[in-house]
C-alpha atoms as a PDB file:
ATOM      1  CA  MET A   1       0.000   0.000   0.000  1.00  0.00           C
ATOM      2  CA  GLU A   2       1.085   3.563  -0.633  1.00  0.00           C
ATOM      3  CA  TYR A   3       1.090   4.974   2.905  1.00  0.00           C
ATOM      4  CA  ALA A   4       3.976   7.327   2.134  1.00  0.00           C
ATOM      5  CA  GLY A   5       2.113   8.734  -0.849  1.00  0.00           C
ATOM      6  CA  ILE A   6      -1.057   9.269   1.146  1.00  0.00           C
ATOM      7  CA  GLY A   7       0.946  10.950   3.922  1.00  0.00           C
ATOM      8  CA  GLY A   8       2.565  13.247   1.391  1.00  0.00           C
ATOM      9  CA  VAL A   9      -0.788  14.284  -0.048  1.00  0.00           C
ATOM     10  CA  ILE A  10      -2.166  14.957   3.442  1.00  0.00           C
ATOM     11  CA  LEU A  11       0.914  17.026   4.342  1.00  0.00           C
ATOM     12  CA  LEU A  12       0.591  18.970   1.091  1.00  0.00           C
ATOM     13  CA  ALA A  13      -3.062  19.724   1.809  1.00  0.00           C
ATOM     14  CA  LEU A  14      -2.239  20.853   5.365  1.00  0.00           C
ATOM     15  CA  ASN A  15       0.563  23.095   4.110  1.00  0.00           C
ATOM     16  CA  ILE A  16      -1.702  24.675   1.487  1.00  0.00           C
ATOM     17  CA  TRP A  17      -4.320  25.293   4.190  1.00  0.00           C
ATOM     18  CA  ALA A  18      -1.650  26.848   6.439  1.00  0.00           C
ATOM     19  CA  ILE A  19      -0.365  29.137   3.679  1.00  0.00           C
ATOM     20  CA  ILE A  20      -3.890  30.290   2.795  1.00  0.00           C
ATOM     21  CA  SER A  21      -4.545  30.989   6.488  1.00  0.00           C
ATOM     22  CA  ILE A  22      -1.254  32.869   6.804  1.00  0.00           C
ATOM     23  CA  ILE A  23      -1.988  35.034   3.765  1.00  0.00           C
ATOM     24  CA  GLY A  24      -5.520  35.753   4.977  1.00  0.00           C
ATOM     25  CA  SER A  25      -4.447  36.652   8.512  1.00  0.00           C
ATOM     26  CA  GLY A  26      -4.152  40.165   9.853  1.00  0.00           C
ATOM     27  CA  ALA A  27      -0.431  39.811  10.543  1.00  0.00           C
ATOM     28  CA  SER A  28       2.121  42.195   9.074  1.00  0.00           C
ATOM     29  CA  THR A  29       3.519  41.479   5.617  1.00  0.00           C
ATOM     30  CA  GLY A  30       6.916  40.578   7.068  1.00  0.00           C
ATOM     31  CA  SER A  31       5.372  38.051   9.440  1.00  0.00           C
ATOM     32  CA  LYS A  32       3.354  36.509   6.605  1.00  0.00           C
ATOM     33  CA  VAL A  33       6.488  36.120   4.485  1.00  0.00           C
ATOM     34  CA  LEU A  34       8.463  34.537   7.334  1.00  0.00           C
ATOM     35  CA  TRP A  35       5.677  32.094   8.273  1.00  0.00           C
ATOM     36  CA  THR A  36       5.135  31.149   4.622  1.00  0.00           C
ATOM     37  CA  LEU A  37       8.852  30.529   4.102  1.00  0.00           C
ATOM     38  CA  LEU A  38       9.004  28.414   7.270  1.00  0.00           C
ATOM     39  CA  VAL A  39       6.105  26.241   6.092  1.00  0.00           C
ATOM     40  CA  LEU A  40       7.585  25.903   2.592  1.00  0.00           C
ATOM     41  CA  VAL A  41      11.181  25.158   3.658  1.00  0.00           C
ATOM     42  CA  LEU A  42      10.320  22.799   6.538  1.00  0.00           C
ATOM     43  CA  PRO A  43       6.939  21.340   5.579  1.00  0.00           C
ATOM     44  CA  LEU A  44       6.143  19.123   8.566  1.00  0.00           C
ATOM     45  CA  ILE A  45       8.084  20.946  11.281  1.00  0.00           C
ATOM     46  CA  GLY A  46       7.088  24.367   9.911  1.00  0.00           C
ATOM     47  CA  PHE A  47       3.415  23.387   9.901  1.00  0.00           C
ATOM     48  CA  ILE A  48       3.588  22.133  13.483  1.00  0.00           C
ATOM     49  CA  ILE A  49       5.404  25.289  14.642  1.00  0.00           C
ATOM     50  CA  TRP A  50       2.841  27.467  12.851  1.00  0.00           C
ATOM     51  CA  LEU A  51      -0.022  25.467  14.341  1.00  0.00           C
ATOM     52  CA  VAL A  52       1.323  25.925  17.878  1.00  0.00           C
ATOM     53  CA  ALA A  53       2.994  29.350  17.754  1.00  0.00           C
ATOM     54  CA  GLY A  54       1.218  31.079  14.881  1.00  0.00           C
ATOM     55  CA  PRO A  55      -1.217  33.920  15.493  1.00  0.00           C
ATOM     56  CA  ARG A  56      -4.307  31.695  15.500  1.00  0.00           C
ATOM     57  CA  GLY A  57      -2.603  28.976  17.563  1.00  0.00           C
ATOM     58  CA  ALA A  58      -1.708  31.466  20.287  1.00  0.00           C
ATOM     59  CA  ARG A  59      -5.298  32.744  20.457  1.00  0.00           C
ATOM     60  CA  GLY A  60      -6.726  29.233  20.512  1.00  0.00           C
ATOM     61  CA  ILE A  61      -4.731  28.278  23.601  1.00  0.00           C
ATOM     62  CA  ALA A  62      -5.753  31.290  25.700  1.00  0.00           C
END
């Protein structure tokens, strides 16, 4: 079975969702660029960091 392929597609979908959320956020342009680059350069780790420490993640915890 192609578990690696399915995992890759899921990660791609999550990264696209993250980038769309980053672009649509109210953060400054510089922050958007940095978050987008982090998600693109480190797909899994960048997504997890954005999910926890990103603007929406910080609000969701409080």
